[in-house]
């Protein structure tokens, strides 16, 4: 297993582990990956929003997205 940056194009079937300091690790399998240009426009971003459709260990489908949060001045 190797670390990946969010937004890296991963093929279907790739296993992901999300690590968190305050929650247990979560395990997913990638169903599909895409850059969602529509969400990027709606969120006033210049580029698409990286998105993964994944399945958890219990067979539930999730959408993982990463939207940068701007720091307040």
PDB file of N, CA and C in Angstrom:
ATOM      1  N   UNK A   1       0.850  -1.168   0.000  1.00  0.00           N
ATOM      2  CA  UNK A   1       0.000   0.000   0.000  1.00  0.00           C
ATOM      3  C   UNK A   1       0.900   1.237   0.000  1.00  0.00           C
ATOM      4  N   UNK A   2       0.451   2.290  -0.720  1.00  0.00           N
ATOM      5  CA  UNK A   2       1.221   3.526  -0.781  1.00  0.00           C
ATOM      6  C   UNK A   2       0.291   4.711  -0.558  1.00  0.00           C
ATOM      7  N   UNK A   3       0.799   5.794  -0.012  1.00  0.00           N
ATOM      8  CA  UNK A   3      -0.034   6.992   0.149  1.00  0.00           C
ATOM      9  C   UNK A   3      -0.339   7.608  -1.217  1.00  0.00           C
ATOM     10  N   UNK A   4      -1.527   8.151  -1.371  1.00  0.00           N
ATOM     11  CA  UNK A   4      -1.902   8.865  -2.595  1.00  0.00           C
ATOM     12  C   UNK A   4      -2.452  10.235  -2.220  1.00  0.00           C
ATOM     13  N   UNK A   5      -2.289  11.163  -3.121  1.00  0.00           N
ATOM     14  CA  UNK A   5      -2.867  12.494  -2.922  1.00  0.00           C
ATOM     15  C   UNK A   5      -4.315  12.462  -3.384  1.00  0.00           C
ATOM     16  N   UNK A   6      -5.184  13.171  -2.654  1.00  0.00           N
ATOM     17  CA  UNK A   6      -6.578  13.221  -3.072  1.00  0.00           C
ATOM     18  C   UNK A   6      -6.617  13.867  -4.441  1.00  0.00           C
ATOM     19  N   UNK A   7      -7.317  13.260  -5.362  1.00  0.00           N
ATOM     20  CA  UNK A   7      -7.397  13.764  -6.723  1.00  0.00           C
ATOM     21  C   UNK A   7      -6.579  12.947  -7.705  1.00  0.00           C
ATOM     22  N   UNK A   8      -5.763  12.027  -7.184  1.00  0.00           N
ATOM     23  CA  UNK A   8      -5.023  11.133  -8.076  1.00  0.00           C
ATOM     24  C   UNK A   8      -6.021  10.189  -8.734  1.00  0.00           C
ATOM     25  N   UNK A   9      -5.918  10.056 -10.033  1.00  0.00           N
ATOM     26  CA  UNK A   9      -6.831   9.157 -10.757  1.00  0.00           C
ATOM     27  C   UNK A   9      -6.508   7.714 -10.386  1.00  0.00           C
ATOM     28  N   UNK A  10      -7.456   7.049  -9.766  1.00  0.00           N
ATOM     29  CA  UNK A  10      -7.270   5.667  -9.338  1.00  0.00           C
ATOM     30  C   UNK A  10      -8.240   4.768 -10.094  1.00  0.00           C
ATOM     31  N   UNK A  11      -7.789   3.619 -10.559  1.00  0.00           N
ATOM     32  CA  UNK A  11      -8.675   2.728 -11.295  1.00  0.00           C
ATOM     33  C   UNK A  11      -9.703   2.050 -10.372  1.00  0.00           C
ATOM     34  N   UNK A  12     -10.809   1.639 -10.965  1.00  0.00           N
ATOM     35  CA  UNK A  12     -11.838   0.909 -10.224  1.00  0.00           C
ATOM     36  C   UNK A  12     -11.202  -0.320  -9.586  1.00  0.00           C
ATOM     37  N   UNK A  13     -11.639  -0.628  -8.377  1.00  0.00           N
ATOM     38  CA  UNK A  13     -11.120  -1.784  -7.651  1.00  0.00           C
ATOM     39  C   UNK A  13      -9.988  -1.449  -6.697  1.00  0.00           C
ATOM     40  N   UNK A  14      -9.429  -0.236  -6.793  1.00  0.00           N
ATOM     41  CA  UNK A  14      -8.353   0.170  -5.894  1.00  0.00           C
ATOM     42  C   UNK A  14      -8.896   0.288  -4.478  1.00  0.00           C
ATOM     43  N   UNK A  15      -8.170  -0.263  -3.512  1.00  0.00           N
ATOM     44  CA  UNK A  15      -8.570  -0.185  -2.102  1.00  0.00           C
ATOM     45  C   UNK A  15      -7.996   1.087  -1.496  1.00  0.00           C
ATOM     46  N   UNK A  16      -8.822   1.831  -0.752  1.00  0.00           N
ATOM     47  CA  UNK A  16      -8.399   3.051  -0.075  1.00  0.00           C
ATOM     48  C   UNK A  16      -8.601   2.906   1.422  1.00  0.00           C
ATOM     49  N   UNK A  17      -7.705   3.504   2.181  1.00  0.00           N
ATOM     50  CA  UNK A  17      -7.881   3.615   3.619  1.00  0.00           C
ATOM     51  C   UNK A  17      -7.819   5.087   3.969  1.00  0.00           C
ATOM     52  N   UNK A  18      -8.859   5.608   4.613  1.00  0.00           N
ATOM     53  CA  UNK A  18      -8.857   6.989   5.082  1.00  0.00           C
ATOM     54  C   UNK A  18      -8.477   6.986   6.548  1.00  0.00           C
ATOM     55  N   UNK A  19      -7.452   7.751   6.883  1.00  0.00           N
ATOM     56  CA  UNK A  19      -6.971   7.826   8.258  1.00  0.00           C
ATOM     57  C   UNK A  19      -7.483   9.103   8.904  1.00  0.00           C
ATOM     58  N   UNK A  20      -7.806   9.027  10.188  1.00  0.00           N
ATOM     59  CA  UNK A  20      -8.293  10.180  10.922  1.00  0.00           C
ATOM     60  C   UNK A  20      -7.736  10.134  12.337  1.00  0.00           C
ATOM     61  N   UNK A  21      -7.418  11.305  12.876  1.00  0.00           N
ATOM     62  CA  UNK A  21      -6.907  11.365  14.247  1.00  0.00           C
ATOM     63  C   UNK A  21      -7.991  11.070  15.275  1.00  0.00           C
ATOM     64  N   UNK A  22      -9.230  11.424  14.961  1.00  0.00           N
ATOM     65  CA  UNK A  22     -10.295  11.306  15.956  1.00  0.00           C
ATOM     66  C   UNK A  22     -11.349  10.241  15.641  1.00  0.00           C
ATOM     67  N   UNK A  23     -11.149   9.465  14.558  1.00  0.00           N
ATOM     68  CA  UNK A  23     -12.099   8.415  14.197  1.00  0.00           C
ATOM     69  C   UNK A  23     -11.323   7.182  13.758  1.00  0.00           C
ATOM     70  N   UNK A  24     -11.961   6.018  13.790  1.00  0.00           N
ATOM     71  CA  UNK A  24     -11.274   4.809  13.312  1.00  0.00           C
ATOM     72  C   UNK A  24     -10.983   4.910  11.812  1.00  0.00           C
ATOM     73  N   UNK A  25      -9.965   4.176  11.339  1.00  0.00           N
ATOM     74  CA  UNK A  25      -9.671   4.133   9.917  1.00  0.00           C
ATOM     75  C   UNK A  25     -10.899   3.615   9.165  1.00  0.00           C
ATOM     76  N   UNK A  26     -11.105   4.125   7.950  1.00  0.00           N
ATOM     77  CA  UNK A  26     -12.222   3.674   7.120  1.00  0.00           C
ATOM     78  C   UNK A  26     -11.665   3.088   5.839  1.00  0.00           C
ATOM     79  N   UNK A  27     -12.241   1.979   5.399  1.00  0.00           N
ATOM     80  CA  UNK A  27     -11.761   1.248   4.238  1.00  0.00           C
ATOM     81  C   UNK A  27     -12.797   1.310   3.122  1.00  0.00           C
ATOM     82  N   UNK A  28     -12.333   1.609   1.906  1.00  0.00           N
ATOM     83  CA  UNK A  28     -13.211   1.749   0.749  1.00  0.00           C
ATOM     84  C   UNK A  28     -12.588   1.072  -0.459  1.00  0.00           C
ATOM     85  N   UNK A  29     -13.433   0.777  -1.448  1.00  0.00           N
ATOM     86  CA  UNK A  29     -12.992   0.308  -2.755  1.00  0.00           C
ATOM     87  C   UNK A  29     -13.503   1.303  -3.784  1.00  0.00           C
ATOM     88  N   UNK A  30     -12.610   1.775  -4.662  1.00  0.00           N
ATOM     89  CA  UNK A  30     -12.986   2.753  -5.683  1.00  0.00           C
ATOM     90  C   UNK A  30     -13.898   2.098  -6.724  1.00  0.00           C
ATOM     91  N   UNK A  31     -15.022   2.757  -7.002  1.00  0.00           N
ATOM     92  CA  UNK A  31     -15.914   2.336  -8.084  1.00  0.00           C
ATOM     93  C   UNK A  31     -15.565   3.147  -9.330  1.00  0.00           C
ATOM     94  N   UNK A  32     -15.421   4.482  -9.151  1.00  0.00           N
ATOM     95  CA  UNK A  32     -15.022   5.341 -10.267  1.00  0.00           C
ATOM     96  C   UNK A  32     -14.408   6.626  -9.739  1.00  0.00           C
ATOM     97  N   UNK A  33     -13.640   7.289 -10.604  1.00  0.00           N
ATOM     98  CA  UNK A  33     -13.009   8.567 -10.292  1.00  0.00           C
ATOM     99  C   UNK A  33     -13.299   9.522 -11.433  1.00  0.00           C
ATOM    100  N   UNK A  34     -13.556  10.793 -11.113  1.00  0.00           N
ATOM    101  CA  UNK A  34     -13.705  11.814 -12.144  1.00  0.00           C
ATOM    102  C   UNK A  34     -13.447  13.188 -11.562  1.00  0.00           C
ATOM    103  N   UNK A  35     -13.190  14.148 -12.459  1.00  0.00           N
ATOM    104  CA  UNK A  35     -13.099  15.552 -12.072  1.00  0.00           C
ATOM    105  C   UNK A  35     -14.421  16.184 -12.452  1.00  0.00           C
ATOM    106  N   UNK A  36     -15.188  16.571 -11.475  1.00  0.00           N
ATOM    107  CA  UNK A  36     -16.538  17.101 -11.690  1.00  0.00           C
ATOM    108  C   UNK A  36     -16.467  18.588 -12.006  1.00  0.00           C
ATOM    109  N   UNK A  37     -16.520  18.931 -13.291  1.00  0.00           N
ATOM    110  CA  UNK A  37     -16.441  20.328 -13.714  1.00  0.00           C
ATOM    111  C   UNK A  37     -17.675  21.115 -13.264  1.00  0.00           C
ATOM    112  N   UNK A  38     -18.850  20.482 -13.236  1.00  0.00           N
ATOM    113  CA  UNK A  38     -20.077  21.172 -12.834  1.00  0.00           C
ATOM    114  C   UNK A  38     -19.990  21.648 -11.394  1.00  0.00           C
ATOM    115  N   UNK A  39     -19.518  20.770 -10.484  1.00  0.00           N
ATOM    116  CA  UNK A  39     -19.371  21.172  -9.085  1.00  0.00           C
ATOM    117  C   UNK A  39     -18.329  22.265  -8.948  1.00  0.00           C
ATOM    118  N   UNK A  40     -17.278  22.190  -9.761  1.00  0.00           N
ATOM    119  CA  UNK A  40     -16.256  23.221  -9.719  1.00  0.00           C
ATOM    120  C   UNK A  40     -16.830  24.586 -10.042  1.00  0.00           C
ATOM    121  N   UNK A  41     -17.686  24.648 -11.060  1.00  0.00           N
ATOM    122  CA  UNK A  41     -18.331  25.918 -11.426  1.00  0.00           C
ATOM    123  C   UNK A  41     -19.271  26.368 -10.323  1.00  0.00           C
ATOM    124  N   UNK A  42     -20.078  25.443  -9.792  1.00  0.00           N
ATOM    125  CA  UNK A  42     -21.042  25.791  -8.744  1.00  0.00           C
ATOM    126  C   UNK A  42     -20.344  26.292  -7.488  1.00  0.00           C
ATOM    127  N   UNK A  43     -19.147  25.772  -7.219  1.00  0.00           N
ATOM    128  CA  UNK A  43     -18.411  26.170  -6.022  1.00  0.00           C
ATOM    129  C   UNK A  43     -17.446  27.315  -6.305  1.00  0.00           C
ATOM    130  N   UNK A  44     -17.528  27.879  -7.515  1.00  0.00           N
ATOM    131  CA  UNK A  44     -16.695  29.003  -7.938  1.00  0.00           C
ATOM    132  C   UNK A  44     -15.210  28.658  -7.902  1.00  0.00           C
ATOM    133  N   UNK A  45     -14.890  27.426  -8.277  1.00  0.00           N
ATOM    134  CA  UNK A  45     -13.495  27.003  -8.394  1.00  0.00           C
ATOM    135  C   UNK A  45     -13.095  27.083  -9.858  1.00  0.00           C
ATOM    136  N   UNK A  46     -11.826  27.285 -10.114  1.00  0.00           N
ATOM    137  CA  UNK A  46     -11.366  27.389 -11.492  1.00  0.00           C
ATOM    138  C   UNK A  46     -11.215  26.021 -12.155  1.00  0.00           C
ATOM    139  N   UNK A  47     -11.107  24.985 -11.365  1.00  0.00           N
ATOM    140  CA  UNK A  47     -10.926  23.644 -11.912  1.00  0.00           C
ATOM    141  C   UNK A  47     -12.033  22.734 -11.413  1.00  0.00           C
ATOM    142  N   UNK A  48     -12.054  21.538 -11.932  1.00  0.00           N
ATOM    143  CA  UNK A  48     -13.032  20.563 -11.482  1.00  0.00           C
ATOM    144  C   UNK A  48     -12.741  20.095 -10.069  1.00  0.00           C
ATOM    145  N   UNK A  49     -13.724  19.468  -9.481  1.00  0.00           N
ATOM    146  CA  UNK A  49     -13.596  18.933  -8.135  1.00  0.00           C
ATOM    147  C   UNK A  49     -13.309  17.434  -8.239  1.00  0.00           C
ATOM    148  N   UNK A  50     -12.155  16.971  -7.701  1.00  0.00           N
ATOM    149  CA  UNK A  50     -11.875  15.533  -7.732  1.00  0.00           C
ATOM    150  C   UNK A  50     -12.930  14.781  -6.923  1.00  0.00           C
ATOM    151  N   UNK A  51     -13.457  13.707  -7.487  1.00  0.00           N
ATOM    152  CA  UNK A  51     -14.503  12.938  -6.833  1.00  0.00           C
ATOM    153  C   UNK A  51     -14.245  11.448  -7.019  1.00  0.00           C
ATOM    154  N   UNK A  52     -14.480  10.697  -5.963  1.00  0.00           N
ATOM    155  CA  UNK A  52     -14.393   9.240  -6.021  1.00  0.00           C
ATOM    156  C   UNK A  52     -15.741   8.671  -5.602  1.00  0.00           C
ATOM    157  N   UNK A  53     -16.292   7.788  -6.411  1.00  0.00           N
ATOM    158  CA  UNK A  53     -17.439   7.007  -5.971  1.00  0.00           C
ATOM    159  C   UNK A  53     -16.835   5.732  -5.413  1.00  0.00           C
ATOM    160  N   UNK A  54     -17.150   5.428  -4.160  1.00  0.00           N
ATOM    161  CA  UNK A  54     -16.532   4.295  -3.475  1.00  0.00           C
ATOM    162  C   UNK A  54     -17.592   3.446  -2.784  1.00  0.00           C
ATOM    163  N   UNK A  55     -17.184   2.238  -2.436  1.00  0.00           N
ATOM    164  CA  UNK A  55     -18.046   1.330  -1.680  1.00  0.00           C
ATOM    165  C   UNK A  55     -17.324   0.987  -0.387  1.00  0.00           C
ATOM    166  N   UNK A  56     -18.058   1.041   0.741  1.00  0.00           N
ATOM    167  CA  UNK A  56     -17.429   0.697   2.016  1.00  0.00           C
ATOM    168  C   UNK A  56     -17.510  -0.802   2.254  1.00  0.00           C
ATOM    169  N   UNK A  57     -17.000  -1.234   3.402  1.00  0.00           N
ATOM    170  CA  UNK A  57     -16.944  -2.665   3.708  1.00  0.00           C
ATOM    171  C   UNK A  57     -18.318  -3.306   3.858  1.00  0.00           C
ATOM    172  N   UNK A  58     -19.338  -2.485   4.091  1.00  0.00           N
ATOM    173  CA  UNK A  58     -20.691  -3.011   4.255  1.00  0.00           C
ATOM    174  C   UNK A  58     -21.514  -2.896   2.980  1.00  0.00           C
ATOM    175  N   UNK A  59     -20.862  -2.524   1.863  1.00  0.00           N
ATOM    176  CA  UNK A  59     -21.539  -2.457   0.575  1.00  0.00           C
ATOM    177  C   UNK A  59     -22.279  -1.153   0.310  1.00  0.00           C
ATOM    178  N   UNK A  60     -22.108  -0.162   1.185  1.00  0.00           N
ATOM    179  CA  UNK A  60     -22.762   1.133   0.979  1.00  0.00           C
ATOM    180  C   UNK A  60     -21.913   1.980   0.038  1.00  0.00           C
ATOM    181  N   UNK A  61     -22.566   2.753  -0.826  1.00  0.00           N
ATOM    182  CA  UNK A  61     -21.871   3.613  -1.782  1.00  0.00           C
ATOM    183  C   UNK A  61     -21.756   5.018  -1.215  1.00  0.00           C
ATOM    184  N   UNK A  62     -20.571   5.622  -1.394  1.00  0.00           N
ATOM    185  CA  UNK A  62     -20.300   6.972  -0.908  1.00  0.00           C
ATOM    186  C   UNK A  62     -19.667   7.781  -2.026  1.00  0.00           C
ATOM    187  N   UNK A  63     -19.764   9.096  -1.928  1.00  0.00           N
ATOM    188  CA  UNK A  63     -19.068  10.000  -2.831  1.00  0.00           C
ATOM    189  C   UNK A  63     -18.060  10.779  -2.002  1.00  0.00           C
ATOM    190  N   UNK A  64     -16.790  10.625  -2.325  1.00  0.00           N
ATOM    191  CA  UNK A  64     -15.733  11.351  -1.619  1.00  0.00           C
ATOM    192  C   UNK A  64     -15.299  12.516  -2.501  1.00  0.00           C
ATOM    193  N   UNK A  65     -15.396  13.717  -1.969  1.00  0.00           N
ATOM    194  CA  UNK A  65     -14.946  14.894  -2.700  1.00  0.00           C
ATOM    195  C   UNK A  65     -14.004  15.690  -1.817  1.00  0.00           C
ATOM    196  N   UNK A  66     -13.177  16.490  -2.450  1.00  0.00           N
ATOM    197  CA  UNK A  66     -12.259  17.355  -1.706  1.00  0.00           C
ATOM    198  C   UNK A  66     -12.434  18.770  -2.216  1.00  0.00           C
ATOM    199  N   UNK A  67     -12.950  19.616  -1.368  1.00  0.00           N
ATOM    200  CA  UNK A  67     -13.134  21.022  -1.708  1.00  0.00           C
ATOM    201  C   UNK A  67     -12.245  21.828  -0.783  1.00  0.00           C
ATOM    202  N   UNK A  68     -11.312  22.600  -1.354  1.00  0.00           N
ATOM    203  CA  UNK A  68     -10.428  23.395  -0.501  1.00  0.00           C
ATOM    204  C   UNK A  68     -11.207  24.418   0.300  1.00  0.00           C
ATOM    205  N   UNK A  69     -10.860  24.542   1.561  1.00  0.00           N
ATOM    206  CA  UNK A  69     -11.485  25.536   2.421  1.00  0.00           C
ATOM    207  C   UNK A  69     -10.541  26.715   2.526  1.00  0.00           C
ATOM    208  N   UNK A  70     -11.029  27.878   2.119  1.00  0.00           N
ATOM    209  CA  UNK A  70     -10.184  29.059   2.163  1.00  0.00           C
ATOM    210  C   UNK A  70     -10.025  29.528   3.594  1.00  0.00           C
ATOM    211  N   UNK A  71      -8.809  29.921   3.907  1.00  0.00           N
ATOM    212  CA  UNK A  71      -8.537  30.425   5.251  1.00  0.00           C
ATOM    213  C   UNK A  71      -9.084  31.834   5.385  1.00  0.00           C
ATOM    214  N   UNK A  72      -9.643  32.119   6.557  1.00  0.00           N
ATOM    215  CA  UNK A  72     -10.148  33.472   6.812  1.00  0.00           C
ATOM    216  C   UNK A  72      -8.996  34.363   7.201  1.00  0.00           C
ATOM    217  N   UNK A  73      -9.055  35.614   6.750  1.00  0.00           N
ATOM    218  CA  UNK A  73      -7.989  36.560   7.082  1.00  0.00           C
ATOM    219  C   UNK A  73      -8.298  37.282   8.369  1.00  0.00           C
TER     220      UNK A  73
END
